[in-house]
Protein backbone atom coordinates (compact mmCIF):
# COMPACT_ATOMS: atom_id res chain seq x y z
CA MET A 1 9.72 -3.56 -7.79
CA LYS A 2 7.83 -4.95 -4.79
CA HIS A 3 5.26 -7.69 -4.48
CA ILE A 4 2.13 -6.20 -2.95
CA ILE A 5 0.36 -8.37 -0.41
CA THR A 6 -2.71 -6.22 0.09
CA THR A 7 -2.95 -3.54 -2.53
CA THR A 8 -5.85 -1.78 -0.84
CA ALA A 9 -4.93 -2.34 2.80
CA MET A 10 -3.89 1.25 3.36
CA ALA A 11 -6.28 2.91 0.93
CA THR A 12 -9.33 1.16 2.38
CA MET A 13 -9.20 3.37 5.44
CA LEU A 14 -10.16 6.29 3.22
CA MET A 15 -13.45 4.60 2.48
CA ALA A 16 -14.40 3.99 6.11
CA PRO A 17 -17.62 5.53 7.41
CA GLY A 18 -17.51 9.10 8.64
CA VAL A 19 -19.54 11.43 10.76
CA LEU A 20 -19.34 14.74 8.93
CA TRP A 21 -22.99 14.76 7.84
CA ALA A 22 -26.23 12.83 8.15
CA GLN A 23 -27.07 10.66 5.15
CA GLN A 24 -27.36 12.82 2.05
CA PRO A 25 -28.19 11.89 -1.54
CA PHE A 26 -25.73 11.72 -4.42
CA ALA A 27 -26.36 11.14 -8.11
CA ILE A 28 -23.79 10.04 -10.69
CA GLN A 29 -24.81 11.15 -14.16
CA GLY A 30 -22.63 9.62 -16.89
CA GLN A 31 -22.24 9.97 -20.65
CA LEU A 32 -19.76 7.83 -22.58
CA THR A 33 -20.08 8.78 -26.23
CA GLY A 34 -18.12 5.80 -27.56
CA VAL A 35 -19.90 3.07 -25.60
CA GLY A 36 -22.88 1.26 -27.07
CA SER A 37 -25.18 -1.43 -25.72
CA PRO A 38 -24.94 -3.88 -24.10
CA ALA A 39 -22.74 -2.37 -21.42
CA LYS A 40 -22.90 -1.98 -17.67
CA ILE A 41 -21.37 0.28 -15.04
CA TYR A 42 -20.43 -1.01 -11.58
CA LEU A 43 -19.88 1.23 -8.55
CA TYR A 44 -17.78 0.03 -5.60
CA TYR A 45 -17.23 1.80 -2.28
CA ASN A 46 -17.21 1.22 1.46
CA ALA A 47 -19.84 2.51 3.87
CA ALA A 48 -20.58 1.61 7.48
CA GLY A 49 -17.64 -0.80 7.34
CA GLN A 50 -19.13 -2.78 4.46
CA GLN A 51 -18.28 -3.09 0.79
CA ILE A 52 -21.12 -1.61 -1.27
CA LYS A 53 -21.72 -2.59 -4.90
CA ASP A 54 -24.18 -0.91 -7.21
CA SER A 55 -24.67 -1.00 -10.96
CA ALA A 56 -26.53 0.50 -13.88
CA LEU A 57 -27.08 -0.35 -17.53
CA VAL A 58 -25.50 1.94 -20.12
CA ASN A 59 -28.14 3.10 -22.59
CA ASN A 60 -26.77 4.87 -25.66
CA GLY A 61 -23.73 5.79 -23.60
CA ALA A 62 -25.75 7.21 -20.71
CA PHE A 63 -26.04 5.87 -17.18
CA LYS A 64 -27.16 7.07 -13.77
CA ILE A 65 -26.58 5.77 -10.24
CA ASN A 66 -28.23 7.22 -7.13
CA GLY A 67 -27.47 6.62 -3.47
CA THR A 68 -26.84 8.21 -0.09
CA ILE A 69 -23.66 8.77 1.90
CA ALA A 70 -22.78 10.18 5.30
CA ASN A 71 -19.55 11.84 4.15
CA PRO A 72 -17.29 11.91 1.07
CA VAL A 73 -15.86 8.48 0.31
CA SER A 74 -13.48 7.20 -2.33
CA ALA A 75 -15.14 5.00 -4.95
CA ASN A 76 -14.45 3.19 -8.22
CA LEU A 77 -16.55 2.98 -11.37
CA VAL A 78 -15.87 -0.07 -13.56
CA LEU A 79 -17.14 -0.36 -17.12
CA ALA A 80 -18.07 -3.78 -18.53
CA LYS A 81 -18.81 -3.61 -22.27
CA ALA A 82 -20.44 -7.03 -22.34
CA PRO A 83 -22.45 -8.83 -19.65
CA GLY A 84 -20.28 -10.95 -17.36
CA THR A 85 -16.97 -9.70 -18.77
CA GLN A 86 -14.03 -8.65 -16.63
CA SER A 87 -12.74 -5.15 -17.24
CA ARG A 88 -9.77 -3.09 -16.14
CA ASP A 89 -11.48 0.04 -17.41
CA MET A 90 -11.84 1.78 -14.07
CA LEU A 91 -12.25 5.35 -12.86
CA SER A 92 -11.63 6.59 -9.33
CA LEU A 93 -13.75 9.42 -7.94
CA TYR A 94 -15.35 10.59 -4.70
CA LEU A 95 -18.98 10.20 -3.75
CA GLU A 96 -20.22 13.47 -2.25
CA PRO A 97 -23.66 15.06 -1.83
CA GLY A 98 -25.22 16.45 -5.00
CA GLN A 99 -24.71 15.61 -8.66
CA ILE A 100 -21.49 14.12 -9.97
CA THR A 101 -21.01 14.22 -13.72
CA VAL A 102 -18.87 11.74 -15.65
CA LYS A 103 -18.12 12.47 -19.33
CA GLY A 104 -15.93 10.35 -21.58
CA GLY A 105 -15.50 8.52 -24.87
CA ASP A 106 -15.06 4.76 -25.32
CA ALA A 107 -13.26 4.22 -22.00
CA ILE A 108 -14.27 5.35 -18.55
CA LYS A 109 -10.73 5.48 -17.16
CA ASN A 110 -10.08 8.71 -19.07
CA ALA A 111 -13.44 10.32 -18.30
CA LEU A 112 -13.73 13.80 -16.81
CA VAL A 113 -15.38 14.02 -13.40
CA THR A 114 -17.06 17.20 -12.16
CA GLY A 115 -19.10 17.70 -9.04
CA GLY A 116 -18.57 19.29 -5.67
CA PRO A 117 -15.41 20.55 -3.98
CA VAL A 118 -14.09 17.08 -3.13
CA ASN A 119 -14.09 15.89 -6.74
CA ASP A 120 -12.64 19.23 -7.81
CA SER A 121 -9.72 18.66 -5.44
CA HIS A 122 -9.38 15.06 -6.59
CA GLY A 123 -9.28 16.22 -10.20
CA GLU A 124 -6.59 18.76 -9.34
CA LEU A 125 -4.45 16.06 -7.71
CA LYS A 126 -4.82 13.80 -10.75
CA ARG A 127 -3.73 16.64 -13.04
CA MET A 128 -0.72 17.34 -10.85
CA LEU A 129 0.25 13.67 -10.98
CA GLN A 130 -0.37 13.24 -14.71
CA PRO A 131 3.26 13.98 -15.77
CA ILE A 132 4.46 11.44 -13.19
CA THR A 133 1.98 8.86 -14.48
CA GLN A 134 3.24 9.35 -18.03
CA LYS A 135 6.85 8.88 -16.90
CA GLU A 136 5.87 5.73 -14.98
CA GLN A 137 4.28 4.31 -18.12
CA ALA A 138 7.41 5.10 -20.12
CA LEU A 139 9.58 3.31 -17.55
CA ARG A 140 7.39 0.21 -17.39
CA GLY A 141 9.37 -2.91 -18.23
CA LYS A 142 12.75 -1.14 -18.46
CA GLN A 143 14.10 -2.35 -15.09
CA ASP A 144 15.74 1.03 -14.42
CA GLU A 145 15.79 1.10 -10.62
CA ALA A 146 17.62 4.43 -10.34
CA ALA A 147 15.05 6.13 -12.57
CA GLU A 148 12.19 4.52 -10.63
CA ILE A 149 13.57 5.79 -7.32
CA ALA A 150 14.04 9.30 -8.71
CA LEU A 151 10.49 9.28 -10.08
CA GLN A 152 9.10 8.15 -6.72
CA GLU A 153 10.83 11.07 -5.03
CA GLU A 154 9.38 13.42 -7.63
CA LYS A 155 5.93 11.97 -6.99
CA LYS A 156 6.32 12.43 -3.24
CA ASP A 157 7.19 16.09 -3.77
CA VAL A 158 3.97 16.57 -5.77
CA LEU A 159 1.86 14.78 -3.16
CA ALA A 160 3.39 16.78 -0.31
CA ALA A 161 2.74 20.04 -2.15
CA PHE A 162 -0.90 19.08 -2.68
CA VAL A 163 -1.47 18.15 0.98
CA LYS A 164 0.05 21.38 2.24
CA ALA A 165 -2.10 23.39 -0.17
CA HIS A 166 -5.31 21.48 0.73
CA PRO A 167 -5.32 20.90 4.50
CA ASN A 168 -9.14 21.02 4.60
CA SER A 169 -9.76 18.33 1.95
CA VAL A 170 -10.34 14.64 2.65
CA VAL A 171 -8.52 14.00 -0.64
CA SER A 172 -5.35 14.97 1.21
CA LEU A 173 -5.80 11.86 3.37
CA SER A 174 -5.48 9.78 0.21
CA ALA A 175 -2.43 11.81 -0.82
CA VAL A 176 -0.75 11.23 2.55
CA ILE A 177 -1.25 7.48 2.22
CA GLU A 178 0.04 7.46 -1.35
CA TYR A 179 3.04 9.46 -0.16
CA GLY A 180 3.89 6.66 2.26
CA GLY A 181 3.79 3.99 -0.44
CA PHE A 182 3.26 0.29 0.20
CA GLN A 183 5.91 0.10 2.93
CA PRO A 184 5.24 3.29 4.90
CA ALA A 185 6.90 4.34 8.12
CA ALA A 186 5.30 6.58 10.73
CA SER A 187 8.05 9.09 10.03
CA ASP A 188 6.86 9.22 6.39
CA LEU A 189 3.21 9.84 7.23
CA GLU A 190 3.14 11.85 10.45
CA PRO A 191 4.75 15.12 9.25
CA LEU A 192 2.20 15.45 6.43
CA TYR A 193 -0.69 14.26 8.57
CA SER A 194 0.12 16.99 11.10
CA THR A 195 -0.51 19.67 8.45
CA LEU A 196 -4.15 18.61 7.98
CA SER A 197 -6.96 20.60 9.54
CA ALA A 198 -8.64 19.46 12.76
CA GLY A 199 -11.87 18.83 10.82
CA VAL A 200 -10.20 16.40 8.41
CA LYS A 201 -8.38 14.65 11.26
CA GLN A 202 -11.69 14.16 13.07
CA THR A 203 -13.33 12.30 10.20
CA ALA A 204 -13.43 8.53 10.53
CA GLN A 205 -10.90 8.38 7.69
CA GLY A 206 -8.60 10.79 9.51
CA LYS A 207 -8.88 8.86 12.76
CA ALA A 208 -8.11 5.62 10.93
CA LEU A 209 -4.97 7.15 9.45
CA GLU A 210 -3.93 8.40 12.89
CA ALA A 211 -4.41 4.89 14.29
CA THR A 212 -2.25 3.49 11.48
CA ILE A 213 0.50 5.98 12.26
CA ILE A 214 0.41 4.98 15.93
CA LYS A 215 0.69 1.33 14.92
CA LEU A 216 3.57 2.04 12.52
CA LYS A 217 5.50 3.85 15.24
CA LYS A 218 5.96 0.52 17.01
CA SER A 219 8.19 -0.71 14.17
CA ASP A 220 9.83 2.57 13.13
CA ILE A 221 13.54 3.28 13.19
CA GLY A 222 14.65 3.99 16.76
CA GLN A 223 12.01 1.75 18.35
CA LEU A 224 12.58 -1.56 20.11
CA ALA A 225 11.70 -4.30 17.62
CA PRO A 226 8.41 -6.05 18.53
CA LEU A 227 9.14 -9.57 19.76
CA PHE A 228 7.56 -12.78 18.46
CA SER A 229 8.17 -16.52 18.42
CA LYS A 230 7.58 -18.88 15.47
CA ALA A 231 8.45 -22.42 14.45
CA ASP A 232 11.29 -23.32 12.09
CA PRO A 233 11.03 -26.14 9.48
CA LYS A 234 11.78 -28.76 12.14
CA GLY A 235 9.17 -27.42 14.54
CA LYS A 236 11.63 -25.76 16.88
CA THR A 237 10.41 -22.46 18.34
CA ILE A 238 12.63 -19.53 17.48
CA SER A 239 12.16 -16.15 19.15
CA LEU A 240 13.44 -12.81 17.98
CA ALA A 241 14.53 -12.29 21.59
CA ASP A 242 17.09 -15.08 21.05
CA TYR A 243 19.08 -12.67 18.90
CA ARG A 244 19.60 -10.03 21.57
CA GLY A 245 23.30 -9.13 21.66
CA LYS A 246 23.69 -9.47 17.88
CA TYR A 247 22.90 -7.45 14.81
CA VAL A 248 20.05 -9.23 13.06
CA LEU A 249 18.33 -8.68 9.75
CA LEU A 250 14.64 -9.53 10.11
CA ASP A 251 13.67 -10.48 6.56
CA PHE A 252 10.01 -10.90 5.48
CA TRP A 253 9.67 -12.88 2.23
CA ALA A 254 7.80 -15.75 0.57
CA SER A 255 8.53 -18.50 -1.94
CA TRP A 256 5.92 -17.13 -4.39
CA CYS A 257 7.32 -13.57 -4.31
CA LYS A 258 9.61 -13.07 -7.32
CA PRO A 259 11.19 -9.82 -6.02
CA CYS A 260 11.95 -11.64 -2.75
CA ARG A 261 13.65 -14.49 -4.59
CA ALA A 262 15.64 -11.96 -6.59
CA GLU A 263 16.73 -10.31 -3.35
CA ASN A 264 17.80 -13.55 -1.64
CA PRO A 265 21.27 -13.69 -3.28
CA TYR A 266 22.11 -10.28 -1.79
CA VAL A 267 21.02 -11.44 1.65
CA ALA A 268 23.01 -14.68 1.27
CA LYS A 269 26.10 -12.75 0.24
CA ALA A 270 25.78 -10.42 3.22
CA TYR A 271 25.22 -13.32 5.61
CA GLU A 272 28.36 -15.13 4.51
CA LYS A 273 30.43 -11.93 4.59
CA TYR A 274 29.32 -10.59 7.99
CA ARG A 275 28.22 -13.60 10.05
CA SER A 276 31.61 -13.66 11.76
CA ARG A 277 31.11 -10.01 12.76
CA ASN A 278 28.17 -10.54 15.12
CA PHE A 279 25.56 -10.56 12.35
CA GLU A 280 22.63 -12.93 11.88
CA VAL A 281 19.55 -13.18 9.66
CA LEU A 282 16.08 -14.38 10.63
CA GLY A 283 13.80 -15.12 7.69
CA VAL A 284 10.05 -14.88 8.17
CA SER A 285 8.09 -16.53 5.36
CA LEU A 286 4.58 -15.36 4.49
CA ASP A 287 3.84 -18.68 2.83
CA ILE A 288 0.66 -20.21 4.20
CA GLU A 289 0.73 -23.60 5.91
CA LYS A 290 -0.47 -25.28 2.68
CA GLY A 291 2.52 -23.71 0.93
CA ARG A 292 5.00 -25.35 3.29
CA THR A 293 6.46 -27.58 0.54
CA ALA A 294 7.12 -24.59 -1.72
CA TRP A 295 8.66 -22.72 1.22
CA LEU A 296 11.10 -25.53 2.03
CA LYS A 297 11.98 -25.94 -1.65
CA ALA A 298 12.73 -22.21 -1.98
CA ILE A 299 15.00 -22.32 1.10
CA GLU A 300 16.99 -25.10 -0.50
CA GLU A 301 17.05 -23.64 -4.03
CA ASP A 302 18.17 -20.20 -2.85
CA GLY A 303 20.75 -21.52 -0.39
CA LEU A 304 19.24 -19.83 2.66
CA THR A 305 21.40 -21.22 5.46
CA TRP A 306 20.17 -18.94 8.23
CA ALA A 307 17.19 -19.53 10.52
CA GLN A 308 13.76 -19.55 8.88
CA VAL A 309 10.27 -19.47 10.37
CA ILE A 310 6.84 -19.46 8.75
CA ASP A 311 4.35 -16.75 9.75
CA VAL A 312 1.21 -18.78 10.44
CA GLY A 313 -1.28 -18.60 13.30
CA ASP A 314 -3.30 -15.77 14.78
CA ASP A 315 -0.32 -13.87 16.24
CA LYS A 316 1.43 -13.01 12.98
CA ALA A 317 4.81 -11.29 13.04
CA SER A 318 3.83 -9.51 9.81
CA ASP A 319 0.95 -7.87 11.67
CA LEU A 320 3.30 -6.64 14.42
CA TYR A 321 5.41 -4.95 11.75
CA ASN A 322 2.42 -3.89 9.61
CA VAL A 323 3.90 -5.59 6.54
CA GLN A 324 1.88 -4.59 3.47
CA ALA A 325 4.38 -5.61 0.77
CA ILE A 326 7.37 -7.88 0.47
CA PRO A 327 10.32 -8.10 0.40
CA GLN A 328 10.57 -6.03 3.58
CA ASN A 329 13.33 -6.11 6.16
CA TYR A 330 14.49 -4.50 9.40
CA LEU A 331 18.05 -4.23 10.73
CA ILE A 332 18.08 -4.57 14.51
CA ASP A 333 21.04 -3.73 16.75
CA PRO A 334 22.35 -5.81 19.71
CA GLN A 335 20.09 -3.87 22.11
CA GLY A 336 17.02 -4.88 20.08
CA LYS A 337 16.50 -1.45 18.51
CA ILE A 338 15.51 -0.99 14.85
CA ILE A 339 18.30 0.98 13.16
CA ALA A 340 17.40 0.61 9.44
CA ARG A 341 14.64 -0.78 7.24
CA ASN A 342 14.16 -1.95 3.66
CA LEU A 343 17.83 -2.36 2.80
CA ARG A 344 17.93 -3.60 -0.79
CA GLY A 345 20.68 -5.00 -2.99
CA GLU A 346 24.10 -3.46 -2.47
CA ALA A 347 22.62 -1.03 0.09
CA LEU A 348 22.48 -3.93 2.57
CA ASP A 349 26.20 -4.65 2.16
CA ALA A 350 27.12 -0.96 2.36
CA THR A 351 25.12 -0.46 5.57
CA LEU A 352 26.55 -3.55 7.25
CA ASP A 353 30.09 -2.66 6.23
CA LYS A 354 29.67 0.75 7.87
CA MET A 355 28.12 -0.54 11.09
CA LEU A 356 29.99 -3.78 11.70
CA LYS A 357 33.51 -2.46 12.10
């Protein structure tokens, strides 16, 4: 499992403004047969680069929200069954011109959405992913990493099949991003993105995804690792360039990230085993400056004897590598080229043993 830093960082690009149409009206007509009063529906989406929030009271299970959009955008409906309450009862849909109908029982998350072609495609994707979702729920809490990996591969197959069958749908942009996961590489996204139609690529959402792919290429396998300099706990400046001539594991982590802390023993074991074979580790903490005490305590508790820097300031190393979730790492060769990424557990030892002969 991975600790997500920004759960919507990639998906937000799908809600960016577009230029397919002039502003056109939409109307969400809802009926939730099992919801009484008082209750309220909240609508969240992005338009013109801004977060938009709208709402409506639920009267005898019925609600209606009107608005205008320039092009189809991803949105969320959240149901609050009492004023001021927090709710995880959420439904994703697309805003598109015309009427969108939402029908459900006592929870909106299971409601059926009908409308135009975009919501039809979105509904088809959700149906295709439903068996995967059920398997994910069954695996929750079981700590079966092998099964989780196999399920992720199965999910990627479904997403790829959908994209290839729907090259003209903006929903496929969402599917491409979901295919890449929270730690995507350009090599994950670009092959699927290339199958999309020119019209979809020319939307603002499509252009944003293309820009992300270009950015990801800078830290993909085979590329020279972007250089940066940061301060260690004693204030000494350490640069990634200092490691040229050695194999180095660039390890992004944080004291508050439980999966990172669980991964640290594997990194420590690898460091002790291979440090005499031209191998080093550079830890980059995503703790904020106010979390410096916790950072230093974690270094001591976990026995991290290699160099550590904290990623503060405007020129963040995590931005250079487009880090969206941690733990995340990159293996860099003596020439400064990225040769592997996201080596976890015993995979780190196996990779190093193969390369450091």
